[in-house]
C-alpha atoms as a PDB file:
ATOM      1  CA  MET A   1     151.396 -90.915 -28.709  1.00  0.00           C
ATOM      2  CA  GLY A   2     154.232 -88.058 -28.078  1.00  0.00           C
ATOM      3  CA  TRP A   3     157.593 -88.267 -26.558  1.00  0.00           C
ATOM      4  CA  PRO A   4     158.861 -85.936 -23.912  1.00  0.00           C
ATOM      5  CA  LEU A   5     162.226 -84.394 -26.002  1.00  0.00           C
ATOM      6  CA  ASP A   6     164.696 -81.714 -24.830  1.00  0.00           C
ATOM      7  CA  ILE A   7     163.855 -79.802 -28.473  1.00  0.00           C
ATOM      8  CA  ASP A   8     162.678 -76.110 -28.902  1.00  0.00           C
ATOM      9  CA  ARG A   9     161.033 -76.341 -32.403  1.00  0.00           C
ATOM     10  CA  THR A  10     159.631 -72.822 -33.202  1.00  0.00           C
ATOM     11  CA  THR A  11     156.947 -73.850 -35.525  1.00  0.00           C
ATOM     12  CA  ALA A  12     156.482 -71.029 -38.370  1.00  0.00           C
ATOM     13  CA  PRO A  13     153.597 -70.935 -40.594  1.00  0.00           C
ATOM     14  CA  THR A  14     155.678 -72.288 -43.743  1.00  0.00           C
ATOM     15  CA  ASP A  15     156.044 -75.589 -41.354  1.00  0.00           C
ATOM     16  CA  VAL A  16     152.529 -76.581 -41.235  1.00  0.00           C
ATOM     17  CA  PRO A  17     150.175 -77.769 -44.161  1.00  0.00           C
ATOM     18  CA  ASP A  18     147.019 -76.376 -44.673  1.00  0.00           C
ATOM     19  CA  TYR A  19     144.915 -79.408 -43.484  1.00  0.00           C
ATOM     20  CA  ASP A  20     141.400 -78.343 -44.406  1.00  0.00           C
ATOM     21  CA  ASP A  21     142.589 -77.510 -48.341  1.00  0.00           C
ATOM     22  CA  LEU A  22     144.993 -80.698 -48.197  1.00  0.00           C
ATOM     23  CA  SER A  23     142.380 -82.835 -46.939  1.00  0.00           C
ATOM     24  CA  ALA A  24     139.759 -81.530 -49.094  1.00  0.00           C
ATOM     25  CA  SER A  25     142.408 -82.403 -52.013  1.00  0.00           C
ATOM     26  CA  ILE A  26     142.909 -85.836 -51.167  1.00  0.00           C
ATOM     27  CA  ARG A  27     138.859 -86.376 -50.627  1.00  0.00           C
ATOM     28  CA  ALA A  28     138.405 -85.407 -54.418  1.00  0.00           C
ATOM     29  CA  LEU A  29     141.211 -87.309 -55.674  1.00  0.00           C
ATOM     30  CA  THR A  30     140.189 -90.714 -53.925  1.00  0.00           C
ATOM     31  CA  LYS A  31     136.154 -90.365 -53.961  1.00  0.00           C
ATOM     32  CA  GLY A  32     134.775 -93.590 -54.670  1.00  0.00           C
ATOM     33  CA  GLU A  33     138.291 -95.440 -55.431  1.00  0.00           C
ATOM     34  CA  VAL A  34     138.585 -98.422 -53.321  1.00  0.00           C
ATOM     35  CA  ASP A  35     142.119-100.259 -54.487  1.00  0.00           C
ATOM     36  CA  THR A  36     144.339-100.209 -51.790  1.00  0.00           C
ATOM     37  CA  VAL A  37     147.673 -99.315 -53.831  1.00  0.00           C
ATOM     38  CA  ALA A  38     145.647 -96.538 -55.901  1.00  0.00           C
ATOM     39  CA  LEU A  39     144.863 -95.002 -52.370  1.00  0.00           C
ATOM     40  CA  MET A  40     147.797 -94.990 -50.857  1.00  0.00           C
ATOM     41  CA  ALA A  41     149.823 -93.783 -54.027  1.00  0.00           C
ATOM     42  CA  THR A  42     147.619 -90.419 -54.007  1.00  0.00           C
ATOM     43  CA  LEU A  43     147.946 -90.259 -50.646  1.00  0.00           C
ATOM     44  CA  VAL A  44     151.517 -90.529 -50.507  1.00  0.00           C
ATOM     45  CA  CYS A  45     152.246 -88.099 -53.700  1.00  0.00           C
ATOM     46  CA  GLU A  46     150.082 -85.015 -51.831  1.00  0.00           C
ATOM     47  CA  ILE A  47     151.093 -85.517 -48.334  1.00  0.00           C
ATOM     48  CA  HIS A  48     154.826 -85.147 -49.464  1.00  0.00           C
ATOM     49  CA  HIS A  49     154.604 -82.766 -51.992  1.00  0.00           C
ATOM     50  CA  ASN A  50     152.268 -80.753 -49.530  1.00  0.00           C
ATOM     51  CA  HIS A  51     154.126 -81.104 -45.887  1.00  0.00           C
ATOM     52  CA  PRO A  52     157.019 -78.697 -46.011  1.00  0.00           C
ATOM     53  CA  LEU A  53     158.683 -81.467 -43.500  1.00  0.00           C
ATOM     54  CA  CYS A  54     158.215 -84.302 -45.278  1.00  0.00           C
ATOM     55  CA  ASP A  55     161.716 -85.683 -46.485  1.00  0.00           C
ATOM     56  CA  TRP A  56     160.117 -89.401 -47.017  1.00  0.00           C
ATOM     57  CA  THR A  57     156.817 -90.403 -47.433  1.00  0.00           C
ATOM     58  CA  GLY A  58     155.513 -93.527 -47.893  1.00  0.00           C
ATOM     59  CA  PHE A  59     153.196 -96.904 -47.086  1.00  0.00           C
ATOM     60  CA  TYR A  60     154.942-100.375 -45.686  1.00  0.00           C
ATOM     61  CA  ARG A  61     151.509-102.696 -46.224  1.00  0.00           C
ATOM     62  CA  VAL A  62     150.854-106.157 -44.419  1.00  0.00           C
ATOM     63  CA  VAL A  63     151.911-108.900 -46.697  1.00  0.00           C
ATOM     64  CA  ALA A  64     152.069-111.649 -44.417  1.00  0.00           C
ATOM     65  CA  PRO A  65     151.179-112.153 -40.661  1.00  0.00           C
ATOM     66  CA  ASP A  66     154.066-109.663 -39.154  1.00  0.00           C
ATOM     67  CA  LEU A  67     155.501-109.200 -42.097  1.00  0.00           C
ATOM     68  CA  LEU A  68     155.488-105.196 -44.042  1.00  0.00           C
ATOM     69  CA  LYS A  69     157.338-104.567 -47.246  1.00  0.00           C
ATOM     70  CA  ILE A  70     157.038-101.540 -49.452  1.00  0.00           C
ATOM     71  CA  GLY A  71     154.369-100.164 -50.755  1.00  0.00           C
ATOM     72  CA  PRO A  72     154.070 -96.396 -52.725  1.00  0.00           C
ATOM     73  CA  TYR A  73     156.403 -94.034 -51.673  1.00  0.00           C
ATOM     74  CA  GLN A  74     158.032 -90.402 -52.571  1.00  0.00           C
ATOM     75  CA  GLY A  75     161.499 -89.897 -51.495  1.00  0.00           C
ATOM     76  CA  GLY A  76     164.997 -92.236 -51.538  1.00  0.00           C
ATOM     77  CA  HIS A  77     165.324 -95.410 -51.459  1.00  0.00           C
ATOM     78  CA  GLY A  78     163.037 -97.266 -48.516  1.00  0.00           C
ATOM     79  CA  CYS A  79     163.538-100.212 -47.046  1.00  0.00           C
ATOM     80  CA  LEU A  80     161.722-103.498 -48.729  1.00  0.00           C
ATOM     81  CA  VAL A  81     160.924-105.781 -45.499  1.00  0.00           C
ATOM     82  CA  ILE A  82     160.146-104.570 -42.053  1.00  0.00           C
ATOM     83  CA  PRO A  83     159.300-107.524 -39.721  1.00  0.00           C
ATOM     84  CA  PHE A  84     156.277-106.354 -36.861  1.00  0.00           C
ATOM     85  CA  SER A  85     159.188-107.273 -34.578  1.00  0.00           C
ATOM     86  CA  ARG A  86     161.925-104.155 -35.852  1.00  0.00           C
ATOM     87  CA  GLY A  87     162.046-100.693 -36.006  1.00  0.00           C
ATOM     88  CA  VAL A  88     158.917 -97.964 -35.396  1.00  0.00           C
ATOM     89  CA  CYS A  89     157.134 -99.379 -38.588  1.00  0.00           C
ATOM     90  CA  GLY A  90     157.183-102.953 -36.985  1.00  0.00           C
ATOM     91  CA  ALA A  91     156.031-101.302 -33.697  1.00  0.00           C
ATOM     92  CA  ALA A  92     153.656 -99.464 -34.783  1.00  0.00           C
ATOM     93  CA  ALA A  93     151.761-102.388 -36.850  1.00  0.00           C
ATOM     94  CA  ARG A  94     152.508-104.872 -34.133  1.00  0.00           C
ATOM     95  CA  MET A  95     150.829-102.475 -31.361  1.00  0.00           C
ATOM     96  CA  GLY A  96     148.161-100.905 -33.333  1.00  0.00           C
ATOM     97  CA  GLN A  97     149.536 -97.358 -32.693  1.00  0.00           C
ATOM     98  CA  VAL A  98     150.350 -94.384 -34.170  1.00  0.00           C
ATOM     99  CA  LEU A  99     154.177 -93.504 -33.018  1.00  0.00           C
ATOM    100  CA  ASN A 100     155.217 -90.013 -33.062  1.00  0.00           C
ATOM    101  CA  VAL A 101     159.072 -90.020 -32.474  1.00  0.00           C
ATOM    102  CA  PRO A 102     160.721 -86.452 -32.498  1.00  0.00           C
ATOM    103  CA  ASP A 103     164.518 -88.600 -32.113  1.00  0.00           C
ATOM    104  CA  VAL A 104     165.156 -91.432 -34.224  1.00  0.00           C
ATOM    105  CA  ASP A 105     167.924 -91.987 -32.700  1.00  0.00           C
ATOM    106  CA  ALA A 106     166.144 -92.402 -29.114  1.00  0.00           C
ATOM    107  CA  PHE A 107     163.966 -95.189 -30.326  1.00  0.00           C
ATOM    108  CA  ALA A 108     166.208 -98.308 -29.146  1.00  0.00           C
ATOM    109  CA  ASP A 109     165.288-100.350 -32.287  1.00  0.00           C
ATOM    110  CA  HIS A 110     165.160 -97.694 -34.762  1.00  0.00           C
ATOM    111  CA  ILE A 111     165.866 -98.702 -38.211  1.00  0.00           C
ATOM    112  CA  ALA A 112     167.985 -95.976 -40.584  1.00  0.00           C
ATOM    113  CA  CYS A 113     166.732 -96.668 -44.033  1.00  0.00           C
ATOM    114  CA  SER A 114     168.224 -93.344 -44.634  1.00  0.00           C
ATOM    115  CA  SER A 115     171.000 -91.633 -41.995  1.00  0.00           C
ATOM    116  CA  SER A 116     169.525 -88.336 -42.968  1.00  0.00           C
ATOM    117  CA  THR A 117     166.452 -89.208 -41.068  1.00  0.00           C
ATOM    118  CA  ARG A 118     165.887 -87.462 -37.677  1.00  0.00           C
ATOM    119  CA  SER A 119     162.307 -88.102 -36.500  1.00  0.00           C
ATOM    120  CA  GLU A 120     159.116 -90.046 -37.700  1.00  0.00           C
ATOM    121  CA  LEU A 121     155.536 -90.211 -37.922  1.00  0.00           C
ATOM    122  CA  VAL A 122     154.078 -94.269 -38.005  1.00  0.00           C
ATOM    123  CA  LEU A 123     150.310 -94.356 -38.603  1.00  0.00           C
ATOM    124  CA  PRO A 124     148.683 -97.938 -38.401  1.00  0.00           C
ATOM    125  CA  VAL A 125     146.275 -97.929 -41.466  1.00  0.00           C
ATOM    126  CA  TRP A 126     143.098 -99.927 -41.175  1.00  0.00           C
ATOM    127  CA  ASN A 127     140.060-100.354 -43.231  1.00  0.00           C
ATOM    128  CA  GLY A 128     136.515-100.565 -42.143  1.00  0.00           C
ATOM    129  CA  ALA A 129     136.549-103.902 -41.853  1.00  0.00           C
ATOM    130  CA  GLY A 130     139.411-103.729 -39.255  1.00  0.00           C
ATOM    131  CA  THR A 131     141.573-105.393 -40.983  1.00  0.00           C
ATOM    132  CA  LEU A 132     145.298-103.817 -41.085  1.00  0.00           C
ATOM    133  CA  LEU A 133     146.659-102.715 -44.371  1.00  0.00           C
ATOM    134  CA  GLY A 134     149.861-101.135 -43.538  1.00  0.00           C
ATOM    135  CA  VAL A 135     152.037 -98.245 -41.971  1.00  0.00           C
ATOM    136  CA  LEU A 136     151.828 -95.079 -43.119  1.00  0.00           C
ATOM    137  CA  ASP A 137     155.295 -94.018 -42.709  1.00  0.00           C
ATOM    138  CA  LEU A 138     156.340 -90.294 -42.547  1.00  0.00           C
ATOM    139  CA  ASP A 139     160.291 -89.065 -41.929  1.00  0.00           C
ATOM    140  CA  SER A 140     161.973 -85.918 -41.285  1.00  0.00           C
ATOM    141  CA  ASN A 141     165.355 -84.141 -41.683  1.00  0.00           C
ATOM    142  CA  THR A 142     164.326 -82.245 -39.116  1.00  0.00           C
ATOM    143  CA  PRO A 143     164.367 -83.116 -35.376  1.00  0.00           C
ATOM    144  CA  ALA A 144     160.548 -83.638 -33.958  1.00  0.00           C
ATOM    145  CA  ALA A 145     159.238 -82.051 -37.156  1.00  0.00           C
ATOM    146  CA  PHE A 146     155.376 -84.018 -36.048  1.00  0.00           C
ATOM    147  CA  THR A 147     153.076 -83.004 -34.173  1.00  0.00           C
ATOM    148  CA  ALA A 148     149.964 -83.804 -32.321  1.00  0.00           C
ATOM    149  CA  ALA A 149     148.088 -81.523 -34.914  1.00  0.00           C
ATOM    150  CA  ASP A 150     149.969 -84.042 -37.969  1.00  0.00           C
ATOM    151  CA  GLU A 151     148.236 -87.347 -35.930  1.00  0.00           C
ATOM    152  CA  ASN A 152     145.155 -85.556 -35.180  1.00  0.00           C
ATOM    153  CA  TRP A 153     144.784 -84.481 -38.875  1.00  0.00           C
ATOM    154  CA  LEU A 154     145.722 -87.856 -40.553  1.00  0.00           C
ATOM    155  CA  VAL A 155     143.917 -89.960 -37.985  1.00  0.00           C
ATOM    156  CA  PRO A 156     140.530 -89.860 -38.618  1.00  0.00           C
ATOM    157  CA  LEU A 157     141.447 -89.116 -42.518  1.00  0.00           C
ATOM    158  CA  LEU A 158     143.297 -92.418 -42.911  1.00  0.00           C
ATOM    159  CA  ALA A 159     140.156 -93.780 -41.518  1.00  0.00           C
ATOM    160  CA  GLU A 160     138.145 -91.989 -44.239  1.00  0.00           C
ATOM    161  CA  VAL A 161     140.084 -92.926 -46.941  1.00  0.00           C
ATOM    162  CA  PHE A 162     140.338 -96.609 -46.689  1.00  0.00           C
ATOM    163  CA  ARG A 163     136.995 -97.320 -44.867  1.00  0.00           C
ATOM    164  CA  ASP A 164     136.217 -99.611 -48.382  1.00  0.00           C
ATOM    165  CA  SER A 165     139.629-100.447 -49.365  1.00  0.00           C
ATOM    166  CA  VAL A 166     140.319-103.860 -50.915  1.00  0.00           C
END
């Protein structure tokens, strides 16, 4: 879901990850793995180190009804607990929808785990049985850092990688 914003962002080739190479690497590293935390840790590492606009990359895991807790991440410290009723991550989990927030200050209930974050992309993550496992949170210090191309790449990749997750 993109939000209109008056930001002119010209994407240079270095601002876009090589989705095909990164997907191939993730598939090779996660082949046959079903442990949710191991899969999360691997994806976070690969995405964080290969997406030039990710300044914080991590998962928040569903640990109780309507409650997320921090999972594997890369970057500075993240918030430890996020209820479904708060913030971008909570909203994405609650609604089961991708939230692409080009300006976090314009999101009424944004939780500022880091004061430098300017934009955020949050994607719900389910296994093949339809269980919500958590959300993948990409934060950037760059306004409007994430695009529909990022969403279109990550949504099917997450479904594939976490299909058999337990």
